[in-house]
């Protein structure tokens, strides 16, 4: 798996008084940066599934950059915005609303997760777009699918860490598990 946003996806385990919490930092776009440029919702930002219409065409604004949304996973598998975040209000709940499928003007499909932040009154505080592959500014993306059933599964795929060729594995001390010395390169496989 290639990391489309080097350095922005991070996982760590934080110990609390009750049990450990997993904190994930994700590269998201604020909804205002991904807008309808052609269709029924002309001018609107990306939103949750109930407000979207198939065949609307979106564009990422020129110069848009992702921001880090840090999420803490609680014991019941719900998410809250963590303290170490650049987007969202720490302590607010986050819901995985949907996985959207877009077709670019070049004919390639692109998926994007919609994450909704709600305040203490359960009102929508903000909406974030987590693309599953890089988005290109000033490229048209037509909404061709809205999936509200499998967003959590797609999120789990994003959150998984996979090893790629050339990954070095060491002990926590930084030593090679076989020789007790600095890490070695894994053997090449044909």
C-alpha atoms as a PDB file:
ATOM      1  CA  UNK A   1       0.000   0.000   0.000  1.00  0.00           C
ATOM      2  CA  UNK A   2       1.400   3.385  -0.972  1.00  0.00           C
ATOM      3  CA  UNK A   3       0.926   6.202   1.519  1.00  0.00           C
ATOM      4  CA  UNK A   4      -0.675   9.004  -0.547  1.00  0.00           C
ATOM      5  CA  UNK A   5      -0.077  11.472   2.284  1.00  0.00           C
ATOM      6  CA  UNK A   6       3.376  10.755   3.777  1.00  0.00           C
ATOM      7  CA  UNK A   7       3.659  11.751   7.402  1.00  0.00           C
ATOM      8  CA  UNK A   8      -0.032  12.553   7.892  1.00  0.00           C
ATOM      9  CA  UNK A   9      -1.310   9.088   8.780  1.00  0.00           C
ATOM     10  CA  UNK A  10      -0.152   8.090  12.234  1.00  0.00           C
ATOM     11  CA  UNK A  11      -1.259   5.626  14.896  1.00  0.00           C
ATOM     12  CA  UNK A  12      -0.376   5.526  18.548  1.00  0.00           C
ATOM     13  CA  UNK A  13      -1.702   3.867  21.663  1.00  0.00           C
ATOM     14  CA  UNK A  14      -2.415   6.104  24.646  1.00  0.00           C
ATOM     15  CA  UNK A  15      -2.941   4.649  28.092  1.00  0.00           C
ATOM     16  CA  UNK A  16      -5.748   6.133  30.166  1.00  0.00           C
ATOM     17  CA  UNK A  17      -6.991   5.316  33.657  1.00  0.00           C
ATOM     18  CA  UNK A  18      -9.483   2.790  32.319  1.00  0.00           C
ATOM     19  CA  UNK A  19      -8.007   1.258  29.138  1.00  0.00           C
ATOM     20  CA  UNK A  20      -5.763   2.068  26.201  1.00  0.00           C
ATOM     21  CA  UNK A  21      -7.158   4.250  23.427  1.00  0.00           C
ATOM     22  CA  UNK A  22      -6.017   4.113  19.824  1.00  0.00           C
ATOM     23  CA  UNK A  23      -5.345   7.537  18.317  1.00  0.00           C
ATOM     24  CA  UNK A  24      -5.224   7.862  14.541  1.00  0.00           C
ATOM     25  CA  UNK A  25      -4.229  10.952  12.614  1.00  0.00           C
ATOM     26  CA  UNK A  26      -5.785  11.190   9.169  1.00  0.00           C
ATOM     27  CA  UNK A  27      -5.350  13.598   6.246  1.00  0.00           C
ATOM     28  CA  UNK A  28      -8.793  15.079   5.591  1.00  0.00           C
ATOM     29  CA  UNK A  29     -10.161  17.969   3.577  1.00  0.00           C
ATOM     30  CA  UNK A  30     -12.619  20.346   5.160  1.00  0.00           C
ATOM     31  CA  UNK A  31     -15.914  20.106   3.307  1.00  0.00           C
ATOM     32  CA  UNK A  32     -15.712  23.713   2.058  1.00  0.00           C
ATOM     33  CA  UNK A  33     -12.740  22.733  -0.137  1.00  0.00           C
ATOM     34  CA  UNK A  34     -14.653  20.150  -2.216  1.00  0.00           C
ATOM     35  CA  UNK A  35     -17.652  21.771  -3.962  1.00  0.00           C
ATOM     36  CA  UNK A  36     -20.289  21.021  -6.585  1.00  0.00           C
ATOM     37  CA  UNK A  37     -19.396  22.758  -9.859  1.00  0.00           C
ATOM     38  CA  UNK A  38     -22.166  21.191 -11.953  1.00  0.00           C
ATOM     39  CA  UNK A  39     -25.436  19.606 -10.860  1.00  0.00           C
ATOM     40  CA  UNK A  40     -28.451  19.924  -8.598  1.00  0.00           C
ATOM     41  CA  UNK A  41     -26.444  21.144  -5.590  1.00  0.00           C
ATOM     42  CA  UNK A  42     -24.382  23.711  -7.504  1.00  0.00           C
ATOM     43  CA  UNK A  43     -22.068  25.599  -5.137  1.00  0.00           C
ATOM     44  CA  UNK A  44     -22.662  23.301  -2.143  1.00  0.00           C
ATOM     45  CA  UNK A  45     -19.822  21.606  -0.281  1.00  0.00           C
ATOM     46  CA  UNK A  46     -19.519  17.866   0.150  1.00  0.00           C
ATOM     47  CA  UNK A  47     -21.891  16.752   2.895  1.00  0.00           C
ATOM     48  CA  UNK A  48     -23.415  13.665   4.487  1.00  0.00           C
ATOM     49  CA  UNK A  49     -25.238  11.096   2.335  1.00  0.00           C
ATOM     50  CA  UNK A  50     -28.785  12.388   2.936  1.00  0.00           C
ATOM     51  CA  UNK A  51     -27.873  15.721   1.308  1.00  0.00           C
ATOM     52  CA  UNK A  52     -26.080  14.363  -1.778  1.00  0.00           C
ATOM     53  CA  UNK A  53     -27.353  13.764  -5.305  1.00  0.00           C
ATOM     54  CA  UNK A  54     -25.848  11.312  -7.762  1.00  0.00           C
ATOM     55  CA  UNK A  55     -24.413  12.892 -10.913  1.00  0.00           C
ATOM     56  CA  UNK A  56     -23.355  16.102  -9.143  1.00  0.00           C
ATOM     57  CA  UNK A  57     -19.836  17.028 -10.225  1.00  0.00           C
ATOM     58  CA  UNK A  58     -17.321  18.194  -7.607  1.00  0.00           C
ATOM     59  CA  UNK A  59     -13.933  19.879  -7.727  1.00  0.00           C
ATOM     60  CA  UNK A  60     -11.248  20.237  -5.101  1.00  0.00           C
ATOM     61  CA  UNK A  61     -10.306  23.903  -4.818  1.00  0.00           C
ATOM     62  CA  UNK A  62      -6.960  24.968  -6.212  1.00  0.00           C
ATOM     63  CA  UNK A  63      -4.334  25.081  -3.477  1.00  0.00           C
ATOM     64  CA  UNK A  64      -6.374  22.896  -1.103  1.00  0.00           C
ATOM     65  CA  UNK A  65      -4.267  20.887   1.313  1.00  0.00           C
ATOM     66  CA  UNK A  66      -5.360  18.196   3.732  1.00  0.00           C
ATOM     67  CA  UNK A  67      -5.348  18.873   7.470  1.00  0.00           C
ATOM     68  CA  UNK A  68      -4.685  16.390  10.250  1.00  0.00           C
ATOM     69  CA  UNK A  69      -7.787  15.086  11.997  1.00  0.00           C
ATOM     70  CA  UNK A  70      -6.773  13.068  15.051  1.00  0.00           C
ATOM     71  CA  UNK A  71      -9.335  10.545  16.244  1.00  0.00           C
ATOM     72  CA  UNK A  72      -9.462   8.587  19.460  1.00  0.00           C
ATOM     73  CA  UNK A  73     -11.206   5.234  19.322  1.00  0.00           C
ATOM     74  CA  UNK A  74     -13.116   4.339  22.473  1.00  0.00           C
ATOM     75  CA  UNK A  75     -13.971   0.899  23.811  1.00  0.00           C
ATOM     76  CA  UNK A  76     -17.329   0.842  22.021  1.00  0.00           C
ATOM     77  CA  UNK A  77     -15.571   1.542  18.664  1.00  0.00           C
ATOM     78  CA  UNK A  78     -16.897   5.089  18.454  1.00  0.00           C
ATOM     79  CA  UNK A  79     -14.661   8.019  17.551  1.00  0.00           C
ATOM     80  CA  UNK A  80     -13.996  11.361  19.196  1.00  0.00           C
ATOM     81  CA  UNK A  81     -11.671  14.138  18.094  1.00  0.00           C
ATOM     82  CA  UNK A  82      -8.389  13.733  20.009  1.00  0.00           C
ATOM     83  CA  UNK A  83      -6.486  16.557  21.675  1.00  0.00           C
ATOM     84  CA  UNK A  84      -3.615  16.427  19.148  1.00  0.00           C
ATOM     85  CA  UNK A  85      -5.586  17.570  16.090  1.00  0.00           C
ATOM     86  CA  UNK A  86      -5.485  20.330  13.471  1.00  0.00           C
ATOM     87  CA  UNK A  87      -9.154  19.885  12.527  1.00  0.00           C
ATOM     88  CA  UNK A  88     -12.202  19.538  14.700  1.00  0.00           C
ATOM     89  CA  UNK A  89     -12.946  20.328  18.315  1.00  0.00           C
ATOM     90  CA  UNK A  90     -11.308  17.919  20.805  1.00  0.00           C
ATOM     91  CA  UNK A  91     -13.912  15.759  22.516  1.00  0.00           C
ATOM     92  CA  UNK A  92     -16.542  16.069  19.747  1.00  0.00           C
ATOM     93  CA  UNK A  93     -17.898  12.819  18.297  1.00  0.00           C
ATOM     94  CA  UNK A  94     -17.128  11.752  14.721  1.00  0.00           C
ATOM     95  CA  UNK A  95     -19.381   9.506  12.642  1.00  0.00           C
ATOM     96  CA  UNK A  96     -18.388   7.640   9.497  1.00  0.00           C
ATOM     97  CA  UNK A  97     -21.321   8.636   7.326  1.00  0.00           C
ATOM     98  CA  UNK A  98     -20.645   7.107   3.944  1.00  0.00           C
ATOM     99  CA  UNK A  99     -18.214   5.968   1.316  1.00  0.00           C
ATOM    100  CA  UNK A 100     -18.683   7.894  -1.915  1.00  0.00           C
ATOM    101  CA  UNK A 101     -17.559   6.763  -5.352  1.00  0.00           C
ATOM    102  CA  UNK A 102     -16.631   9.380  -7.927  1.00  0.00           C
ATOM    103  CA  UNK A 103     -15.615   9.121 -11.545  1.00  0.00           C
ATOM    104  CA  UNK A 104     -13.020  11.625 -12.667  1.00  0.00           C
ATOM    105  CA  UNK A 105     -13.129  13.430 -15.979  1.00  0.00           C
ATOM    106  CA  UNK A 106     -10.383  10.982 -17.054  1.00  0.00           C
ATOM    107  CA  UNK A 107     -12.641   7.969 -16.388  1.00  0.00           C
ATOM    108  CA  UNK A 108     -10.932   6.701 -13.216  1.00  0.00           C
ATOM    109  CA  UNK A 109     -12.955   5.921 -10.108  1.00  0.00           C
ATOM    110  CA  UNK A 110     -12.083   7.423  -6.744  1.00  0.00           C
ATOM    111  CA  UNK A 111     -13.493   6.678  -3.298  1.00  0.00           C
ATOM    112  CA  UNK A 112     -13.861   9.122  -0.442  1.00  0.00           C
ATOM    113  CA  UNK A 113     -15.095   8.670   3.130  1.00  0.00           C
ATOM    114  CA  UNK A 114     -17.399  11.305   4.584  1.00  0.00           C
ATOM    115  CA  UNK A 115     -16.805  11.925   8.292  1.00  0.00           C
ATOM    116  CA  UNK A 116     -19.284  14.029  10.265  1.00  0.00           C
ATOM    117  CA  UNK A 117     -18.371  15.828  13.491  1.00  0.00           C
ATOM    118  CA  UNK A 118     -21.265  16.506  15.853  1.00  0.00           C
ATOM    119  CA  UNK A 119     -21.430  18.751  18.895  1.00  0.00           C
ATOM    120  CA  UNK A 120     -22.879  18.020  22.346  1.00  0.00           C
ATOM    121  CA  UNK A 121     -26.439  18.690  21.031  1.00  0.00           C
ATOM    122  CA  UNK A 122     -25.901  16.211  18.140  1.00  0.00           C
ATOM    123  CA  UNK A 123     -25.900  19.072  15.613  1.00  0.00           C
ATOM    124  CA  UNK A 124     -23.472  18.838  12.700  1.00  0.00           C
ATOM    125  CA  UNK A 125     -20.367  20.835  13.621  1.00  0.00           C
ATOM    126  CA  UNK A 126     -18.288  20.023  10.535  1.00  0.00           C
ATOM    127  CA  UNK A 127     -17.941  17.567   7.658  1.00  0.00           C
ATOM    128  CA  UNK A 128     -14.640  16.128   6.433  1.00  0.00           C
ATOM    129  CA  UNK A 129     -13.639  14.264   3.296  1.00  0.00           C
ATOM    130  CA  UNK A 130     -11.060  11.479   3.601  1.00  0.00           C
ATOM    131  CA  UNK A 131     -10.000  10.476   0.082  1.00  0.00           C
ATOM    132  CA  UNK A 132      -8.790   6.892  -0.288  1.00  0.00           C
ATOM    133  CA  UNK A 133      -6.372   8.055  -2.993  1.00  0.00           C
ATOM    134  CA  UNK A 134      -5.034  11.542  -3.750  1.00  0.00           C
ATOM    135  CA  UNK A 135      -7.442  14.081  -5.241  1.00  0.00           C
ATOM    136  CA  UNK A 136      -6.244  16.510  -7.896  1.00  0.00           C
ATOM    137  CA  UNK A 137      -7.331  20.147  -7.662  1.00  0.00           C
ATOM    138  CA  UNK A 138      -9.343  21.564 -10.570  1.00  0.00           C
ATOM    139  CA  UNK A 139     -10.286  18.036 -11.706  1.00  0.00           C
ATOM    140  CA  UNK A 140     -13.961  17.188 -12.085  1.00  0.00           C
ATOM    141  CA  UNK A 141     -15.250  14.245 -10.012  1.00  0.00           C
ATOM    142  CA  UNK A 142     -18.810  13.077 -10.702  1.00  0.00           C
ATOM    143  CA  UNK A 143     -20.630  11.338  -7.848  1.00  0.00           C
ATOM    144  CA  UNK A 144     -21.644   7.871  -9.085  1.00  0.00           C
ATOM    145  CA  UNK A 145     -22.150   5.949  -5.831  1.00  0.00           C
ATOM    146  CA  UNK A 146     -23.243   6.533  -2.233  1.00  0.00           C
ATOM    147  CA  UNK A 147     -22.643   3.641   0.190  1.00  0.00           C
ATOM    148  CA  UNK A 148     -23.876   4.141   3.755  1.00  0.00           C
ATOM    149  CA  UNK A 149     -23.443   0.481   4.746  1.00  0.00           C
ATOM    150  CA  UNK A 150     -19.696  -0.122   4.317  1.00  0.00           C
ATOM    151  CA  UNK A 151     -17.985   3.100   5.438  1.00  0.00           C
ATOM    152  CA  UNK A 152     -16.571   1.415   8.553  1.00  0.00           C
ATOM    153  CA  UNK A 153     -15.080  -1.404   6.476  1.00  0.00           C
ATOM    154  CA  UNK A 154     -13.450   1.084   4.111  1.00  0.00           C
ATOM    155  CA  UNK A 155     -12.125   3.050   7.085  1.00  0.00           C
ATOM    156  CA  UNK A 156     -10.591  -0.129   8.524  1.00  0.00           C
ATOM    157  CA  UNK A 157      -8.748  -0.628   5.230  1.00  0.00           C
ATOM    158  CA  UNK A 158      -7.324   2.903   5.438  1.00  0.00           C
ATOM    159  CA  UNK A 159      -6.338   2.425   9.047  1.00  0.00           C
ATOM    160  CA  UNK A 160      -4.472  -0.848   8.396  1.00  0.00           C
ATOM    161  CA  UNK A 161      -0.730  -0.732   8.164  1.00  0.00           C
ATOM    162  CA  UNK A 162       0.918  -2.989   5.621  1.00  0.00           C
ATOM    163  CA  UNK A 163       4.561  -3.737   5.064  1.00  0.00           C
ATOM    164  CA  UNK A 164       6.040  -2.985   1.698  1.00  0.00           C
ATOM    165  CA  UNK A 165       9.197  -4.270   0.054  1.00  0.00           C
ATOM    166  CA  UNK A 166      12.290  -3.035   1.858  1.00  0.00           C
ATOM    167  CA  UNK A 167      10.617  -2.625   5.257  1.00  0.00           C
ATOM    168  CA  UNK A 168      13.090  -3.096   8.089  1.00  0.00           C
ATOM    169  CA  UNK A 169      11.946  -4.894  11.201  1.00  0.00           C
ATOM    170  CA  UNK A 170      13.741  -4.431  14.521  1.00  0.00           C
ATOM    171  CA  UNK A 171      13.268  -5.046  18.203  1.00  0.00           C
ATOM    172  CA  UNK A 172      12.000  -2.160  20.326  1.00  0.00           C
ATOM    173  CA  UNK A 173      15.627  -1.433  21.218  1.00  0.00           C
ATOM    174  CA  UNK A 174      16.456  -0.912  17.537  1.00  0.00           C
ATOM    175  CA  UNK A 175      18.566  -4.043  17.293  1.00  0.00           C
ATOM    176  CA  UNK A 176      18.355  -6.907  14.848  1.00  0.00           C
ATOM    177  CA  UNK A 177      16.425  -9.790  16.455  1.00  0.00           C
ATOM    178  CA  UNK A 178      18.843 -12.400  15.012  1.00  0.00           C
ATOM    179  CA  UNK A 179      22.203 -10.767  15.672  1.00  0.00           C
ATOM    180  CA  UNK A 180      21.638  -8.144  18.338  1.00  0.00           C
ATOM    181  CA  UNK A 181      23.104  -5.539  15.996  1.00  0.00           C
ATOM    182  CA  UNK A 182      21.702  -2.720  13.893  1.00  0.00           C
ATOM    183  CA  UNK A 183      18.815  -3.628  11.634  1.00  0.00           C
ATOM    184  CA  UNK A 184      19.585  -5.481   8.409  1.00  0.00           C
ATOM    185  CA  UNK A 185      17.804  -5.343   5.108  1.00  0.00           C
ATOM    186  CA  UNK A 186      15.366  -8.206   4.450  1.00  0.00           C
ATOM    187  CA  UNK A 187      16.378 -10.716   1.837  1.00  0.00           C
ATOM    188  CA  UNK A 188      15.205  -9.966  -1.677  1.00  0.00           C
ATOM    189  CA  UNK A 189      12.625 -12.299  -3.065  1.00  0.00           C
ATOM    190  CA  UNK A 190      12.184 -12.834  -6.776  1.00  0.00           C
END
